[in-house]
Amino acid sequence: SAEGVFRHMIDEAGLSGVVQVDSAATHTFH
């Protein structure tokens, strides 16, 4: 969800070419 929110924000700010965003887990559950 944070990745989606932040990706939307960087796209709107015109920064998608210079900012990369991802998400990950500390555990292996899913």
PDB file of all heavy atoms in Angstrom:
ATOM      1  N   SER A   1       0.840  -1.197   0.000  1.00  0.00           N
ATOM      2  CA  SER A   1       0.000   0.000   0.000  1.00  0.00           C
ATOM      3  C   SER A   1       0.879   1.252   0.000  1.00  0.00           C
ATOM      4  O   SER A   1       0.617   2.211  -0.735  1.00  0.00           O
ATOM      5  CB  SER A   1      -0.934   0.009   1.214  1.00  0.00           C
ATOM      6  OG  SER A   1      -1.854  -1.064   1.134  1.00  0.00           O
ATOM      7  N   ALA A   2       1.928   1.245   0.811  1.00  0.00           N
ATOM      8  CA  ALA A   2       2.874   2.368   0.834  1.00  0.00           C
ATOM      9  C   ALA A   2       3.538   2.531  -0.527  1.00  0.00           C
ATOM     10  O   ALA A   2       3.693   3.652  -1.033  1.00  0.00           O
ATOM     11  CB  ALA A   2       3.927   2.155   1.919  1.00  0.00           C
ATOM     12  N   GLU A   3       3.912   1.408  -1.137  1.00  0.00           N
ATOM     13  CA  GLU A   3       4.510   1.463  -2.473  1.00  0.00           C
ATOM     14  C   GLU A   3       3.547   2.112  -3.460  1.00  0.00           C
ATOM     15  O   GLU A   3       3.935   2.990  -4.237  1.00  0.00           O
ATOM     16  CB  GLU A   3       4.870   0.048  -2.951  1.00  0.00           C
ATOM     17  CG  GLU A   3       5.417   0.011  -4.363  1.00  0.00           C
ATOM     18  CD  GLU A   3       5.668  -1.386  -4.890  1.00  0.00           C
ATOM     19  OE1 GLU A   3       5.707  -2.357  -4.103  1.00  0.00           O
ATOM     20  OE2 GLU A   3       5.832  -1.519  -6.131  1.00  0.00           O
ATOM     21  N   GLY A   4       2.280   1.729  -3.422  1.00  0.00           N
ATOM     22  CA  GLY A   4       1.285   2.289  -4.332  1.00  0.00           C
ATOM     23  C   GLY A   4       1.049   3.770  -4.112  1.00  0.00           C
ATOM     24  O   GLY A   4       0.971   4.552  -5.059  1.00  0.00           O
ATOM     25  N   VAL A   5       0.941   4.158  -2.846  1.00  0.00           N
ATOM     26  CA  VAL A   5       0.747   5.575  -2.514  1.00  0.00           C
ATOM     27  C   VAL A   5       1.949   6.388  -2.978  1.00  0.00           C
ATOM     28  O   VAL A   5       1.801   7.424  -3.644  1.00  0.00           O
ATOM     29  CB  VAL A   5       0.533   5.758  -0.987  1.00  0.00           C
ATOM     30  CG1 VAL A   5       0.631   7.223  -0.587  1.00  0.00           C
ATOM     31  CG2 VAL A   5      -0.815   5.175  -0.554  1.00  0.00           C
ATOM     32  N   PHE A   6       3.148   5.925  -2.651  1.00  0.00           N
ATOM     33  CA  PHE A   6       4.352   6.685  -2.996  1.00  0.00           C
ATOM     34  C   PHE A   6       4.582   6.710  -4.503  1.00  0.00           C
ATOM     35  O   PHE A   6       4.973   7.741  -5.054  1.00  0.00           O
ATOM     36  CB  PHE A   6       5.569   6.126  -2.257  1.00  0.00           C
ATOM     37  CG  PHE A   6       6.747   7.054  -2.287  1.00  0.00           C
ATOM     38  CD1 PHE A   6       6.665   8.317  -1.722  1.00  0.00           C
ATOM     39  CD2 PHE A   6       7.928   6.669  -2.875  1.00  0.00           C
ATOM     40  CE1 PHE A   6       7.746   9.188  -1.739  1.00  0.00           C
ATOM     41  CE2 PHE A   6       9.025   7.523  -2.907  1.00  0.00           C
ATOM     42  CZ  PHE A   6       8.932   8.782  -2.331  1.00  0.00           C
ATOM     43  N   ARG A   7       4.330   5.606  -5.182  1.00  0.00           N
ATOM     44  CA  ARG A   7       4.482   5.561  -6.643  1.00  0.00           C
ATOM     45  C   ARG A   7       3.556   6.604  -7.288  1.00  0.00           C
ATOM     46  O   ARG A   7       3.946   7.330  -8.202  1.00  0.00           O
ATOM     47  CB  ARG A   7       4.173   4.163  -7.172  1.00  0.00           C
ATOM     48  CG  ARG A   7       4.450   3.976  -8.654  1.00  0.00           C
ATOM     49  CD  ARG A   7       4.178   2.546  -9.108  1.00  0.00           C
ATOM     50  NE  ARG A   7       4.894   1.542  -8.336  1.00  0.00           N
ATOM     51  CZ  ARG A   7       6.178   1.224  -8.499  1.00  0.00           C
ATOM     52  NH1 ARG A   7       6.888   1.863  -9.410  1.00  0.00           N
ATOM     53  NH2 ARG A   7       6.730   0.281  -7.774  1.00  0.00           N
ATOM     54  N   HIS A   8       2.331   6.685  -6.792  1.00  0.00           N
ATOM     55  CA  HIS A   8       1.371   7.674  -7.295  1.00  0.00           C
ATOM     56  C   HIS A   8       1.907   9.102  -7.079  1.00  0.00           C
ATOM     57  O   HIS A   8       1.837   9.948  -7.973  1.00  0.00           O
ATOM     58  CB  HIS A   8       0.027   7.480  -6.590  1.00  0.00           C
ATOM     59  CG  HIS A   8      -1.046   8.405  -7.040  1.00  0.00           C
ATOM     60  ND1 HIS A   8      -1.781   8.197  -8.183  1.00  0.00           N
ATOM     61  CD2 HIS A   8      -1.494   9.572  -6.504  1.00  0.00           C
ATOM     62  CE1 HIS A   8      -2.640   9.183  -8.327  1.00  0.00           C
ATOM     63  NE2 HIS A   8      -2.490  10.025  -7.312  1.00  0.00           N
ATOM     64  N   MET A   9       2.456   9.345  -5.903  1.00  0.00           N
ATOM     65  CA  MET A   9       2.982  10.669  -5.571  1.00  0.00           C
ATOM     66  C   MET A   9       4.180  11.045  -6.442  1.00  0.00           C
ATOM     67  O   MET A   9       4.285  12.186  -6.901  1.00  0.00           O
ATOM     68  CB  MET A   9       3.378  10.743  -4.098  1.00  0.00           C
ATOM     69  CG  MET A   9       2.202  10.778  -3.160  1.00  0.00           C
ATOM     70  SD  MET A   9       2.774  10.847  -1.429  1.00  0.00           S
ATOM     71  CE  MET A   9       1.204  10.995  -0.586  1.00  0.00           C
ATOM     72  N   ILE A  10       5.082  10.095  -6.670  1.00  0.00           N
ATOM     73  CA  ILE A  10       6.250  10.435  -7.494  1.00  0.00           C
ATOM     74  C   ILE A  10       5.860  10.614  -8.955  1.00  0.00           C
ATOM     75  O   ILE A  10       6.441  11.453  -9.648  1.00  0.00           O
ATOM     76  CB  ILE A  10       7.417   9.429  -7.325  1.00  0.00           C
ATOM     77  CG1 ILE A  10       7.034   8.015  -7.729  1.00  0.00           C
ATOM     78  CG2 ILE A  10       7.985   9.480  -5.930  1.00  0.00           C
ATOM     79  CD1 ILE A  10       8.190   7.030  -7.720  1.00  0.00           C
ATOM     80  N   ASP A  11       4.861   9.861  -9.404  1.00  0.00           N
ATOM     81  CA  ASP A  11       4.359  10.069 -10.771  1.00  0.00           C
ATOM     82  C   ASP A  11       3.762  11.462 -10.910  1.00  0.00           C
ATOM     83  O   ASP A  11       4.059  12.175 -11.880  1.00  0.00           O
ATOM     84  CB  ASP A  11       3.301   9.014 -11.135  1.00  0.00           C
ATOM     85  CG  ASP A  11       3.895   7.637 -11.388  1.00  0.00           C
ATOM     86  OD1 ASP A  11       5.138   7.520 -11.508  1.00  0.00           O
ATOM     87  OD2 ASP A  11       3.114   6.665 -11.445  1.00  0.00           O
ATOM     88  N   GLU A  12       2.930  11.857  -9.938  1.00  0.00           N
ATOM     89  CA  GLU A  12       2.318  13.182  -9.980  1.00  0.00           C
ATOM     90  C   GLU A  12       3.349  14.303  -9.875  1.00  0.00           C
ATOM     91  O   GLU A  12       3.168  15.376 -10.435  1.00  0.00           O
ATOM     92  CB  GLU A  12       1.275  13.336  -8.874  1.00  0.00           C
ATOM     93  CG  GLU A  12      -0.025  12.636  -9.175  1.00  0.00           C
ATOM     94  CD  GLU A  12      -1.134  13.028  -8.217  1.00  0.00           C
ATOM     95  OE1 GLU A  12      -0.851  13.465  -7.084  1.00  0.00           O
ATOM     96  OE2 GLU A  12      -2.307  12.883  -8.620  1.00  0.00           O
ATOM     97  N   ALA A  13       4.435  14.054  -9.166  1.00  0.00           N
ATOM     98  CA  ALA A  13       5.488  15.050  -8.992  1.00  0.00           C
ATOM     99  C   ALA A  13       6.468  15.067 -10.167  1.00  0.00           C
ATOM    100  O   ALA A  13       7.386  15.890 -10.193  1.00  0.00           O
ATOM    101  CB  ALA A  13       6.243  14.780  -7.690  1.00  0.00           C
ATOM    102  N   GLY A  14       6.276  14.167 -11.133  1.00  0.00           N
ATOM    103  CA  GLY A  14       7.174  14.100 -12.280  1.00  0.00           C
ATOM    104  C   GLY A  14       8.547  13.537 -11.944  1.00  0.00           C
ATOM    105  O   GLY A  14       9.525  13.841 -12.615  1.00  0.00           O
ATOM    106  N   LEU A  15       8.616  12.709 -10.926  1.00  0.00           N
ATOM    107  CA  LEU A  15       9.901  12.171 -10.471  1.00  0.00           C
ATOM    108  C   LEU A  15      10.094  10.686 -10.784  1.00  0.00           C
ATOM    109  O   LEU A  15      11.069  10.094 -10.340  1.00  0.00           O
ATOM    110  CB  LEU A  15      10.046  12.380  -8.953  1.00  0.00           C
ATOM    111  CG  LEU A  15      10.074  13.833  -8.477  1.00  0.00           C
ATOM    112  CD1 LEU A  15      10.053  13.890  -6.949  1.00  0.00           C
ATOM    113  CD2 LEU A  15      11.291  14.556  -9.031  1.00  0.00           C
ATOM    114  N   SER A  16       9.176  10.097 -11.535  1.00  0.00           N
ATOM    115  CA  SER A  16       9.263   8.648 -11.758  1.00  0.00           C
ATOM    116  C   SER A  16      10.530   8.234 -12.507  1.00  0.00           C
ATOM    117  O   SER A  16      10.950   7.085 -12.399  1.00  0.00           O
ATOM    118  CB  SER A  16       8.012   8.131 -12.460  1.00  0.00           C
ATOM    119  OG  SER A  16       7.794   8.830 -13.656  1.00  0.00           O
ATOM    120  N   GLY A  17      11.157   9.146 -13.206  1.00  0.00           N
ATOM    121  CA  GLY A  17      12.397   8.821 -13.903  1.00  0.00           C
ATOM    122  C   GLY A  17      13.621   8.835 -13.007  1.00  0.00           C
ATOM    123  O   GLY A  17      14.677   8.336 -13.390  1.00  0.00           O
ATOM    124  N   VAL A  18      13.491   9.423 -11.808  1.00  0.00           N
ATOM    125  CA  VAL A  18      14.642   9.537 -10.911  1.00  0.00           C
ATOM    126  C   VAL A  18      14.409   8.919  -9.527  1.00  0.00           C
ATOM    127  O   VAL A  18      15.292   8.940  -8.685  1.00  0.00           O
ATOM    128  CB  VAL A  18      15.086  11.012 -10.751  1.00  0.00           C
ATOM    129  CG1 VAL A  18      15.669  11.547 -12.053  1.00  0.00           C
ATOM    130  CG2 VAL A  18      13.947  11.883 -10.274  1.00  0.00           C
ATOM    131  N   VAL A  19      13.207   8.395  -9.293  1.00  0.00           N
ATOM    132  CA  VAL A  19      12.903   7.743  -8.018  1.00  0.00           C
ATOM    133  C   VAL A  19      12.328   6.366  -8.298  1.00  0.00           C
ATOM    134  O   VAL A  19      11.393   6.217  -9.073  1.00  0.00           O
ATOM    135  CB  VAL A  19      11.889   8.568  -7.179  1.00  0.00           C
ATOM    136  CG1 VAL A  19      11.573   7.845  -5.877  1.00  0.00           C
ATOM    137  CG2 VAL A  19      12.418   9.970  -6.901  1.00  0.00           C
ATOM    138  N   GLN A  20      12.903   5.362  -7.663  1.00  0.00           N
ATOM    139  CA  GLN A  20      12.425   3.987  -7.794  1.00  0.00           C
ATOM    140  C   GLN A  20      11.834   3.560  -6.457  1.00  0.00           C
ATOM    141  O   GLN A  20      12.366   3.897  -5.406  1.00  0.00           O
ATOM    142  CB  GLN A  20      13.593   3.075  -8.166  1.00  0.00           C
ATOM    143  CG  GLN A  20      13.220   1.627  -8.340  1.00  0.00           C
ATOM    144  CD  GLN A  20      14.428   0.782  -8.692  1.00  0.00           C
ATOM    145  OE1 GLN A  20      15.310   1.209  -9.419  1.00  0.00           O
ATOM    146  NE2 GLN A  20      14.479  -0.419  -8.137  1.00  0.00           N
ATOM    147  N   VAL A  21      10.729   2.849  -6.506  1.00  0.00           N
ATOM    148  CA  VAL A  21      10.059   2.424  -5.282  1.00  0.00           C
ATOM    149  C   VAL A  21       9.703   0.938  -5.364  1.00  0.00           C
ATOM    150  O   VAL A  21       9.378   0.437  -6.436  1.00  0.00           O
ATOM    151  CB  VAL A  21       8.795   3.292  -5.008  1.00  0.00           C
ATOM    152  CG1 VAL A  21       7.809   3.200  -6.132  1.00  0.00           C
ATOM    153  CG2 VAL A  21       8.129   2.931  -3.700  1.00  0.00           C
ATOM    154  N   ASP A  22       9.809   0.256  -4.222  1.00  0.00           N
ATOM    155  CA  ASP A  22       9.469  -1.161  -4.143  1.00  0.00           C
ATOM    156  C   ASP A  22       9.031  -1.446  -2.705  1.00  0.00           C
ATOM    157  O   ASP A  22       9.110  -0.578  -1.840  1.00  0.00           O
ATOM    158  CB  ASP A  22      10.678  -2.022  -4.530  1.00  0.00           C
ATOM    159  CG  ASP A  22      10.308  -3.454  -4.886  1.00  0.00           C
ATOM    160  OD1 ASP A  22       9.100  -3.800  -4.911  1.00  0.00           O
ATOM    161  OD2 ASP A  22      11.230  -4.260  -5.124  1.00  0.00           O
ATOM    162  N   SER A  23       8.592  -2.661  -2.480  1.00  0.00           N
ATOM    163  CA  SER A  23       8.208  -3.088  -1.132  1.00  0.00           C
ATOM    164  C   SER A  23       8.651  -4.528  -0.935  1.00  0.00           C
ATOM    165  O   SER A  23       8.857  -5.266  -1.900  1.00  0.00           O
ATOM    166  CB  SER A  23       6.702  -2.943  -0.928  1.00  0.00           C
ATOM    167  OG  SER A  23       5.979  -3.739  -1.835  1.00  0.00           O
ATOM    168  N   ALA A  24       8.804  -4.894   0.346  1.00  0.00           N
ATOM    169  CA  ALA A  24       9.282  -6.242   0.663  1.00  0.00           C
ATOM    170  C   ALA A  24       8.833  -6.621   2.077  1.00  0.00           C
ATOM    171  O   ALA A  24       8.324  -5.794   2.825  1.00  0.00           O
ATOM    172  CB  ALA A  24      10.804  -6.304   0.558  1.00  0.00           C
ATOM    173  N   ALA A  25       9.068  -7.893   2.407  1.00  0.00           N
ATOM    174  CA  ALA A  25       8.677  -8.462   3.704  1.00  0.00           C
ATOM    175  C   ALA A  25       9.904  -8.843   4.516  1.00  0.00           C
ATOM    176  O   ALA A  25      10.940  -9.191   3.953  1.00  0.00           O
ATOM    177  CB  ALA A  25       7.821  -9.707   3.479  1.00  0.00           C
ATOM    178  N   THR A  26       9.736  -8.814   5.831  1.00  0.00           N
ATOM    179  CA  THR A  26      10.790  -9.344   6.699  1.00  0.00           C
ATOM    180  C   THR A  26      10.616 -10.846   6.909  1.00  0.00           C
ATOM    181  O   THR A  26      11.556 -11.527   7.287  1.00  0.00           O
ATOM    182  CB  THR A  26      10.782  -8.641   8.081  1.00  0.00           C
ATOM    183  OG1 THR A  26       9.475  -8.746   8.645  1.00  0.00           O
ATOM    184  CG2 THR A  26      11.199  -7.192   7.953  1.00  0.00           C
ATOM    185  N   HIS A  27       9.411 -11.364   6.673  1.00  0.00           N
ATOM    186  CA  HIS A  27       9.112 -12.775   6.885  1.00  0.00           C
ATOM    187  C   HIS A  27       8.677 -13.445   5.565  1.00  0.00           C
ATOM    188  O   HIS A  27       8.394 -12.759   4.600  1.00  0.00           O
ATOM    189  CB  HIS A  27       8.002 -12.922   7.934  1.00  0.00           C
ATOM    190  CG  HIS A  27       8.435 -12.495   9.290  1.00  0.00           C
ATOM    191  ND1 HIS A  27       8.670 -11.164   9.627  1.00  0.00           N
ATOM    192  CD2 HIS A  27       8.684 -13.210  10.419  1.00  0.00           C
ATOM    193  CE1 HIS A  27       9.046 -11.095  10.896  1.00  0.00           C
ATOM    194  NE2 HIS A  27       9.057 -12.320  11.393  1.00  0.00           N
ATOM    195  N   THR A  28       8.587 -14.758   5.590  1.00  0.00           N
ATOM    196  CA  THR A  28       8.301 -15.518   4.360  1.00  0.00           C
ATOM    197  C   THR A  28       6.850 -15.982   4.249  1.00  0.00           C
ATOM    198  O   THR A  28       6.529 -16.802   3.399  1.00  0.00           O
ATOM    199  CB  THR A  28       9.216 -16.759   4.296  1.00  0.00           C
ATOM    200  OG1 THR A  28       8.975 -17.575   5.443  1.00  0.00           O
ATOM    201  CG2 THR A  28      10.676 -16.376   4.222  1.00  0.00           C
ATOM    202  N   PHE A  29       5.956 -15.450   5.059  1.00  0.00           N
ATOM    203  CA  PHE A  29       4.582 -15.948   5.126  1.00  0.00           C
ATOM    204  C   PHE A  29       3.832 -15.947   3.792  1.00  0.00           C
ATOM    205  O   PHE A  29       3.050 -16.838   3.523  1.00  0.00           O
ATOM    206  CB  PHE A  29       3.751 -15.129   6.117  1.00  0.00           C
ATOM    207  CG  PHE A  29       4.317 -15.054   7.501  1.00  0.00           C
ATOM    208  CD1 PHE A  29       4.373 -13.838   8.161  1.00  0.00           C
ATOM    209  CD2 PHE A  29       4.805 -16.174   8.159  1.00  0.00           C
ATOM    210  CE1 PHE A  29       4.879 -13.752   9.448  1.00  0.00           C
ATOM    211  CE2 PHE A  29       5.313 -16.094   9.438  1.00  0.00           C
ATOM    212  CZ  PHE A  29       5.355 -14.877  10.084  1.00  0.00           C
ATOM    213  N   HIS A  30       4.008 -14.920   2.976  1.00  0.00           N
ATOM    214  CA  HIS A  30       3.149 -14.740   1.795  1.00  0.00           C
ATOM    215  C   HIS A  30       3.935 -14.568   0.491  1.00  0.00           C
ATOM    216  O   HIS A  30       3.414 -13.969  -0.455  1.00  0.00           O
ATOM    217  CB  HIS A  30       2.249 -13.519   2.000  1.00  0.00           C
ATOM    218  CG  HIS A  30       1.364 -13.612   3.199  1.00  0.00           C
ATOM    219  ND1 HIS A  30       0.228 -14.402   3.219  1.00  0.00           N
ATOM    220  CD2 HIS A  30       1.462 -13.041   4.422  1.00  0.00           C
ATOM    221  CE1 HIS A  30      -0.344 -14.292   4.407  1.00  0.00           C
ATOM    222  NE2 HIS A  30       0.384 -13.479   5.156  1.00  0.00           N
TER     223      HIS A  30
END
